[in-house]
Amino acid sequence: MWGVDSAARVTSDFYNCLVEQFGFPSFWGRYLTTVPNVSDGLTVDEIQFLKEKGVKIWPIYNQDRNAVGYRSGVVAARNAIYHAKRLNLPTGTMIFANLEHNIDASWINAWVNTFYPSDYRPGIYGDPTQGDLSPSYCQAVATDPKVREQTIMWSNQRRPGVTKKAEAPAFNPQRPPCEVRVWGWQYGWDDPACVTPIDTNLIEPALFELLA
């Protein structure tokens, strides 16, 4: 299934441009909170607008630049769960941690363990081909089977580039070298055709069912 994500809030003009230039998105990835000079936080009005268009919401948490340490992972997960509840996201929605910087296994274990008794599910976004994500994720899986059982990964590699919906590639993300469910693939980055940049994504139908 094809969709997009953006750091900017979805307005009527933005949505109409996206549909005209690329096609109808089945889902739209948006950030739970505002991070200055990085992302606009998702709003209740925006959720309502997208629902009226028949577009599911892919919630992303991106407050932590350094995903290091168990306590830090607990705090991040609690914050993500709080904001999901504040926005009245449905029970069972998968919330993705945006892990693009320093990452360790303890943080991932904490993210998963804190989500486990909650109303939501833990997802992880990042680059499995370089940096800390793959070794840290695989170490977390080795120390706690809940990581493998509960987590879905959204990979941002390979990167053939942004396409229209009708021209999307076959689903073929890169993965860590351990057991993992990679059900999301961000295959194109930062297209400015609608002034506000968008990334293009493909996801498995099973993940689509876990979006808001």
C-alpha atoms as a PDB file:
ATOM      1  CA  MET A   1       0.000   0.000   0.000  1.00  0.00           C
ATOM      2  CA  TRP A   2       1.268   3.458  -0.916  1.00  0.00           C
ATOM      3  CA  GLY A   3       1.397   6.646   1.148  1.00  0.00           C
ATOM      4  CA  VAL A   4       3.542   9.542   2.284  1.00  0.00           C
ATOM      5  CA  ASP A   5       4.959  11.234   5.346  1.00  0.00           C
ATOM      6  CA  SER A   6       5.721  14.881   5.974  1.00  0.00           C
ATOM      7  CA  ALA A   7       7.183  17.060   8.695  1.00  0.00           C
ATOM      8  CA  ALA A   8       4.652  19.782   7.866  1.00  0.00           C
ATOM      9  CA  ARG A   9       1.005  19.883   8.873  1.00  0.00           C
ATOM     10  CA  VAL A  10      -1.474  18.664   6.257  1.00  0.00           C
ATOM     11  CA  THR A  11      -3.627  21.489   4.928  1.00  0.00           C
ATOM     12  CA  SER A  12      -6.267  21.380   2.230  1.00  0.00           C
ATOM     13  CA  ASP A  13      -3.882  22.928  -0.318  1.00  0.00           C
ATOM     14  CA  PHE A  14      -1.080  20.532   0.617  1.00  0.00           C
ATOM     15  CA  TYR A  15      -3.383  17.516   0.377  1.00  0.00           C
ATOM     16  CA  ASN A  16      -4.859  18.570  -2.973  1.00  0.00           C
ATOM     17  CA  CYS A  17      -1.413  19.158  -4.448  1.00  0.00           C
ATOM     18  CA  LEU A  18      -0.222  15.755  -3.251  1.00  0.00           C
ATOM     19  CA  VAL A  19      -3.188  13.960  -4.828  1.00  0.00           C
ATOM     20  CA  GLU A  20      -2.803  15.865  -8.103  1.00  0.00           C
ATOM     21  CA  GLN A  21       0.965  15.365  -8.346  1.00  0.00           C
ATOM     22  CA  PHE A  22       1.399  11.861  -6.943  1.00  0.00           C
ATOM     23  CA  GLY A  23      -1.929  10.086  -6.389  1.00  0.00           C
ATOM     24  CA  PHE A  24      -4.217   9.299  -3.457  1.00  0.00           C
ATOM     25  CA  PRO A  25      -2.312   8.242  -0.309  1.00  0.00           C
ATOM     26  CA  SER A  26      -3.697   5.354   1.739  1.00  0.00           C
ATOM     27  CA  PHE A  27      -1.852   6.749   4.772  1.00  0.00           C
ATOM     28  CA  TRP A  28       0.082   9.834   5.864  1.00  0.00           C
ATOM     29  CA  GLY A  29       2.948   9.741   8.353  1.00  0.00           C
ATOM     30  CA  ARG A  30       2.902  12.622  10.845  1.00  0.00           C
ATOM     31  CA  TYR A  31       4.774  13.569  13.995  1.00  0.00           C
ATOM     32  CA  LEU A  32       3.066  13.455  17.370  1.00  0.00           C
ATOM     33  CA  THR A  33       4.682  16.663  18.633  1.00  0.00           C
ATOM     34  CA  THR A  34       6.218  19.885  17.408  1.00  0.00           C
ATOM     35  CA  VAL A  35      10.018  19.944  17.336  1.00  0.00           C
ATOM     36  CA  PRO A  36      11.267  23.454  16.473  1.00  0.00           C
ATOM     37  CA  ASN A  37      12.808  23.676  12.992  1.00  0.00           C
ATOM     38  CA  VAL A  38      12.105  19.954  12.472  1.00  0.00           C
ATOM     39  CA  SER A  39       8.410  19.043  12.544  1.00  0.00           C
ATOM     40  CA  ASP A  40       4.891  20.370  13.116  1.00  0.00           C
ATOM     41  CA  GLY A  41       2.957  18.404  15.705  1.00  0.00           C
ATOM     42  CA  LEU A  42      -0.135  16.478  14.660  1.00  0.00           C
ATOM     43  CA  THR A  43      -3.423  18.158  15.648  1.00  0.00           C
ATOM     44  CA  VAL A  44      -6.956  16.932  16.264  1.00  0.00           C
ATOM     45  CA  ASP A  45      -8.204  19.057  13.338  1.00  0.00           C
ATOM     46  CA  GLU A  46      -5.604  17.499  11.039  1.00  0.00           C
ATOM     47  CA  ILE A  47      -6.635  14.002  12.137  1.00  0.00           C
ATOM     48  CA  GLN A  48     -10.268  14.816  11.381  1.00  0.00           C
ATOM     49  CA  PHE A  49      -9.368  16.249   7.966  1.00  0.00           C
ATOM     50  CA  LEU A  50      -7.406  13.142   6.962  1.00  0.00           C
ATOM     51  CA  LYS A  51     -10.108  10.802   8.253  1.00  0.00           C
ATOM     52  CA  GLU A  52     -12.703  12.621   6.169  1.00  0.00           C
ATOM     53  CA  LYS A  53     -10.478  12.019   3.123  1.00  0.00           C
ATOM     54  CA  GLY A  54     -10.199   8.312   3.928  1.00  0.00           C
ATOM     55  CA  VAL A  55      -6.491   8.559   4.785  1.00  0.00           C
ATOM     56  CA  LYS A  56      -5.031   6.656   7.748  1.00  0.00           C
ATOM     57  CA  ILE A  57      -2.472   8.329  10.023  1.00  0.00           C
ATOM     58  CA  TRP A  58       0.971   6.873  10.680  1.00  0.00           C
ATOM     59  CA  PRO A  59       2.064   8.358  14.061  1.00  0.00           C
ATOM     60  CA  ILE A  60       5.775   9.092  14.575  1.00  0.00           C
ATOM     61  CA  TYR A  61       7.588  10.076  17.782  1.00  0.00           C
ATOM     62  CA  ASN A  62      10.773  12.096  17.209  1.00  0.00           C
ATOM     63  CA  GLN A  63      11.625  13.882  20.454  1.00  0.00           C
ATOM     64  CA  ASP A  64      14.811  11.883  21.211  1.00  0.00           C
ATOM     65  CA  ARG A  65      17.897  12.772  19.190  1.00  0.00           C
ATOM     66  CA  ASN A  66      19.913  10.246  21.214  1.00  0.00           C
ATOM     67  CA  ALA A  67      18.100   6.978  21.902  1.00  0.00           C
ATOM     68  CA  VAL A  68      20.526   5.768  24.564  1.00  0.00           C
ATOM     69  CA  GLY A  69      19.856   4.211  27.967  1.00  0.00           C
ATOM     70  CA  TYR A  70      16.958   2.314  29.491  1.00  0.00           C
ATOM     71  CA  ARG A  71      15.566   5.232  31.492  1.00  0.00           C
ATOM     72  CA  SER A  72      15.595   7.449  28.397  1.00  0.00           C
ATOM     73  CA  GLY A  73      13.654   4.791  26.477  1.00  0.00           C
ATOM     74  CA  VAL A  74      11.035   4.549  29.221  1.00  0.00           C
ATOM     75  CA  VAL A  75      10.548   8.321  29.240  1.00  0.00           C
ATOM     76  CA  ALA A  76      10.260   8.416  25.441  1.00  0.00           C
ATOM     77  CA  ALA A  77       7.687   5.632  25.370  1.00  0.00           C
ATOM     78  CA  ARG A  78       5.620   7.226  28.144  1.00  0.00           C
ATOM     79  CA  ASN A  79       5.666  10.543  26.284  1.00  0.00           C
ATOM     80  CA  ALA A  80       4.639   8.889  23.018  1.00  0.00           C
ATOM     81  CA  ILE A  81       1.789   7.028  24.731  1.00  0.00           C
ATOM     82  CA  TYR A  82       0.651  10.243  26.432  1.00  0.00           C
ATOM     83  CA  HIS A  83       0.477  12.131  23.148  1.00  0.00           C
ATOM     84  CA  ALA A  84      -1.294   9.254  21.402  1.00  0.00           C
ATOM     85  CA  LYS A  85      -3.962   9.343  24.124  1.00  0.00           C
ATOM     86  CA  ARG A  86      -4.128  13.142  24.004  1.00  0.00           C
ATOM     87  CA  LEU A  87      -4.924  12.919  20.303  1.00  0.00           C
ATOM     88  CA  ASN A  88      -7.444  10.093  20.877  1.00  0.00           C
ATOM     89  CA  LEU A  89      -5.612   7.684  18.577  1.00  0.00           C
ATOM     90  CA  PRO A  90      -7.369   4.304  18.524  1.00  0.00           C
ATOM     91  CA  THR A  91      -6.351   1.434  20.789  1.00  0.00           C
ATOM     92  CA  GLY A  92      -3.877  -0.827  19.027  1.00  0.00           C
ATOM     93  CA  THR A  93      -2.308   1.914  16.893  1.00  0.00           C
ATOM     94  CA  MET A  94       1.401   1.410  16.212  1.00  0.00           C
ATOM     95  CA  ILE A  95       3.595   4.369  17.224  1.00  0.00           C
ATOM     96  CA  PHE A  96       6.973   4.577  15.485  1.00  0.00           C
ATOM     97  CA  ALA A  97      10.112   5.899  17.154  1.00  0.00           C
ATOM     98  CA  ASN A  98      12.216   7.905  14.708  1.00  0.00           C
ATOM     99  CA  LEU A  99      15.725   6.537  15.404  1.00  0.00           C
ATOM    100  CA  GLU A 100      18.186   8.420  13.214  1.00  0.00           C
ATOM    101  CA  HIS A 101      20.999   9.189  15.650  1.00  0.00           C
ATOM    102  CA  ASN A 102      22.719   7.392  18.549  1.00  0.00           C
ATOM    103  CA  ILE A 103      20.848   4.211  19.490  1.00  0.00           C
ATOM    104  CA  ASP A 104      21.506   1.396  21.952  1.00  0.00           C
ATOM    105  CA  ALA A 105      19.808  -1.884  22.805  1.00  0.00           C
ATOM    106  CA  SER A 106      18.746  -0.727  26.279  1.00  0.00           C
ATOM    107  CA  TRP A 107      16.701   2.125  24.783  1.00  0.00           C
ATOM    108  CA  ILE A 108      14.962  -0.265  22.380  1.00  0.00           C
ATOM    109  CA  ASN A 109      14.236  -2.738  25.200  1.00  0.00           C
ATOM    110  CA  ALA A 110      12.736   0.072  27.273  1.00  0.00           C
ATOM    111  CA  TRP A 111      10.631   1.374  24.368  1.00  0.00           C
ATOM    112  CA  VAL A 112       9.136  -2.086  23.822  1.00  0.00           C
ATOM    113  CA  ASN A 113       8.683  -2.984  27.492  1.00  0.00           C
ATOM    114  CA  THR A 114       6.955   0.315  28.300  1.00  0.00           C
ATOM    115  CA  PHE A 115       4.566  -0.042  25.382  1.00  0.00           C
ATOM    116  CA  TYR A 116       3.806  -3.686  26.205  1.00  0.00           C
ATOM    117  CA  PRO A 117       1.103  -3.087  28.869  1.00  0.00           C
ATOM    118  CA  SER A 118      -0.269   0.021  27.115  1.00  0.00           C
ATOM    119  CA  ASP A 119      -3.070   0.513  24.585  1.00  0.00           C
ATOM    120  CA  TYR A 120      -0.537   1.008  21.767  1.00  0.00           C
ATOM    121  CA  ARG A 121       2.140  -0.925  19.872  1.00  0.00           C
ATOM    122  CA  PRO A 122       5.874  -0.120  19.480  1.00  0.00           C
ATOM    123  CA  GLY A 123       7.354   0.553  16.041  1.00  0.00           C
ATOM    124  CA  ILE A 124      10.872   1.576  15.028  1.00  0.00           C
ATOM    125  CA  TYR A 125      11.961   3.707  12.063  1.00  0.00           C
ATOM    126  CA  GLY A 126      15.504   4.067  10.785  1.00  0.00           C
ATOM    127  CA  ASP A 127      18.385   3.009   8.575  1.00  0.00           C
ATOM    128  CA  PRO A 128      19.287  -0.691   8.927  1.00  0.00           C
ATOM    129  CA  THR A 129      22.349  -0.408   6.659  1.00  0.00           C
ATOM    130  CA  GLN A 130      24.608   1.888   8.678  1.00  0.00           C
ATOM    131  CA  GLY A 131      24.927   3.336  12.153  1.00  0.00           C
ATOM    132  CA  ASP A 132      23.628   1.848  15.397  1.00  0.00           C
ATOM    133  CA  LEU A 133      20.145   0.650  14.479  1.00  0.00           C
ATOM    134  CA  SER A 134      20.820  -2.884  13.225  1.00  0.00           C
ATOM    135  CA  PRO A 135      23.368  -3.977  15.862  1.00  0.00           C
ATOM    136  CA  SER A 136      21.334  -2.404  18.666  1.00  0.00           C
ATOM    137  CA  TYR A 137      18.063  -3.914  17.460  1.00  0.00           C
ATOM    138  CA  CYS A 138      19.603  -7.369  17.063  1.00  0.00           C
ATOM    139  CA  GLN A 139      21.149  -7.140  20.543  1.00  0.00           C
ATOM    140  CA  ALA A 140      17.756  -6.119  21.972  1.00  0.00           C
ATOM    141  CA  VAL A 141      16.095  -9.101  20.250  1.00  0.00           C
ATOM    142  CA  ALA A 142      18.718 -11.437  21.695  1.00  0.00           C
ATOM    143  CA  THR A 143      18.098 -10.232  25.247  1.00  0.00           C
ATOM    144  CA  ASP A 144      14.292  -9.954  25.168  1.00  0.00           C
ATOM    145  CA  PRO A 145      11.955 -11.969  22.911  1.00  0.00           C
ATOM    146  CA  LYS A 146       9.243  -9.309  23.300  1.00  0.00           C
ATOM    147  CA  VAL A 147      11.249  -7.058  20.981  1.00  0.00           C
ATOM    148  CA  ARG A 148      10.857  -9.509  18.107  1.00  0.00           C
ATOM    149  CA  GLU A 149       7.266 -10.368  19.023  1.00  0.00           C
ATOM    150  CA  GLN A 150       5.970  -6.811  19.482  1.00  0.00           C
ATOM    151  CA  THR A 151       8.000  -4.579  17.174  1.00  0.00           C
ATOM    152  CA  ILE A 152       7.480  -3.632  13.528  1.00  0.00           C
ATOM    153  CA  MET A 153      10.298  -1.879  11.661  1.00  0.00           C
ATOM    154  CA  TRP A 154      10.004   0.880   9.044  1.00  0.00           C
ATOM    155  CA  SER A 155      13.162   0.916   6.934  1.00  0.00           C
ATOM    156  CA  ASN A 156      14.434   3.974   5.071  1.00  0.00           C
ATOM    157  CA  GLN A 157      16.713   1.958   2.795  1.00  0.00           C
ATOM    158  CA  ARG A 158      16.968   1.133  -0.166  1.00  0.00           C
ATOM    159  CA  ARG A 159      16.266   4.553  -1.625  1.00  0.00           C
ATOM    160  CA  PRO A 160      15.394   4.449  -5.347  1.00  0.00           C
ATOM    161  CA  GLY A 161      13.669   7.845  -5.062  1.00  0.00           C
ATOM    162  CA  VAL A 162      10.247   9.485  -4.885  1.00  0.00           C
ATOM    163  CA  THR A 163       7.639   8.293  -7.398  1.00  0.00           C
ATOM    164  CA  LYS A 164       3.994   8.748  -8.154  1.00  0.00           C
ATOM    165  CA  LYS A 165       1.726   6.109  -6.658  1.00  0.00           C
ATOM    166  CA  ALA A 166       1.274   4.381 -10.025  1.00  0.00           C
ATOM    167  CA  GLU A 167       5.051   4.153 -10.509  1.00  0.00           C
ATOM    168  CA  ALA A 168       6.042   2.841  -7.065  1.00  0.00           C
ATOM    169  CA  PRO A 169       8.652   0.057  -6.989  1.00  0.00           C
ATOM    170  CA  ALA A 170       8.011  -3.445  -5.718  1.00  0.00           C
ATOM    171  CA  PHE A 171       8.267  -3.694  -1.926  1.00  0.00           C
ATOM    172  CA  ASN A 172      11.966  -4.349  -1.253  1.00  0.00           C
ATOM    173  CA  PRO A 173      13.347  -2.665   1.904  1.00  0.00           C
ATOM    174  CA  GLN A 174      16.690  -3.498   3.453  1.00  0.00           C
ATOM    175  CA  ARG A 175      16.645  -5.192   6.860  1.00  0.00           C
ATOM    176  CA  PRO A 176      18.810  -5.868   9.903  1.00  0.00           C
ATOM    177  CA  PRO A 177      20.665  -9.222   9.892  1.00  0.00           C
ATOM    178  CA  CYS A 178      18.406 -10.791  12.528  1.00  0.00           C
ATOM    179  CA  GLU A 179      14.765 -11.796  12.854  1.00  0.00           C
ATOM    180  CA  VAL A 180      12.587  -8.734  12.303  1.00  0.00           C
ATOM    181  CA  ARG A 181       9.293  -7.791  10.670  1.00  0.00           C
ATOM    182  CA  VAL A 182      10.046  -4.968   8.246  1.00  0.00           C
ATOM    183  CA  TRP A 183       6.573  -3.951   7.121  1.00  0.00           C
ATOM    184  CA  GLY A 184       7.305  -0.355   6.095  1.00  0.00           C
ATOM    185  CA  TRP A 185       9.659   1.102   3.497  1.00  0.00           C
ATOM    186  CA  GLN A 186      10.391   4.798   3.004  1.00  0.00           C
ATOM    187  CA  TYR A 187      11.812   4.527  -0.503  1.00  0.00           C
ATOM    188  CA  GLY A 188      11.863   8.211  -1.547  1.00  0.00           C
ATOM    189  CA  TRP A 189      12.886  11.346   0.339  1.00  0.00           C
ATOM    190  CA  ASP A 190      12.139  15.077   0.322  1.00  0.00           C
ATOM    191  CA  ASP A 191      10.290  15.763  -2.904  1.00  0.00           C
ATOM    192  CA  PRO A 192       9.433  19.515  -3.057  1.00  0.00           C
ATOM    193  CA  ALA A 193       6.774  19.373  -5.800  1.00  0.00           C
ATOM    194  CA  CYS A 194       4.116  20.618  -3.363  1.00  0.00           C
ATOM    195  CA  VAL A 195       6.486  23.209  -1.790  1.00  0.00           C
ATOM    196  CA  THR A 196       6.359  21.290   1.495  1.00  0.00           C
ATOM    197  CA  PRO A 197       8.608  18.213   1.088  1.00  0.00           C
ATOM    198  CA  ILE A 198       7.151  14.717   1.230  1.00  0.00           C
ATOM    199  CA  ASP A 199       8.637  11.236   1.481  1.00  0.00           C
ATOM    200  CA  THR A 200       7.020   8.266  -0.293  1.00  0.00           C
ATOM    201  CA  ASN A 201       6.408   4.912   1.385  1.00  0.00           C
ATOM    202  CA  LEU A 202       5.146   1.403   0.833  1.00  0.00           C
ATOM    203  CA  ILE A 203       3.763  -0.754   3.633  1.00  0.00           C
ATOM    204  CA  GLU A 204       2.434  -4.266   4.080  1.00  0.00           C
ATOM    205  CA  PRO A 205      -1.370  -4.553   4.469  1.00  0.00           C
ATOM    206  CA  ALA A 206      -0.855  -5.951   7.991  1.00  0.00           C
ATOM    207  CA  LEU A 207       0.795  -2.690   9.062  1.00  0.00           C
ATOM    208  CA  PHE A 208      -1.954  -0.647   7.421  1.00  0.00           C
ATOM    209  CA  GLU A 209      -4.396  -2.275   9.834  1.00  0.00           C
ATOM    210  CA  LEU A 210      -2.320  -0.974  12.762  1.00  0.00           C
ATOM    211  CA  LEU A 211      -2.405   2.684  11.701  1.00  0.00           C
ATOM    212  CA  ALA A 212      -4.809   5.224  13.159  1.00  0.00           C
END
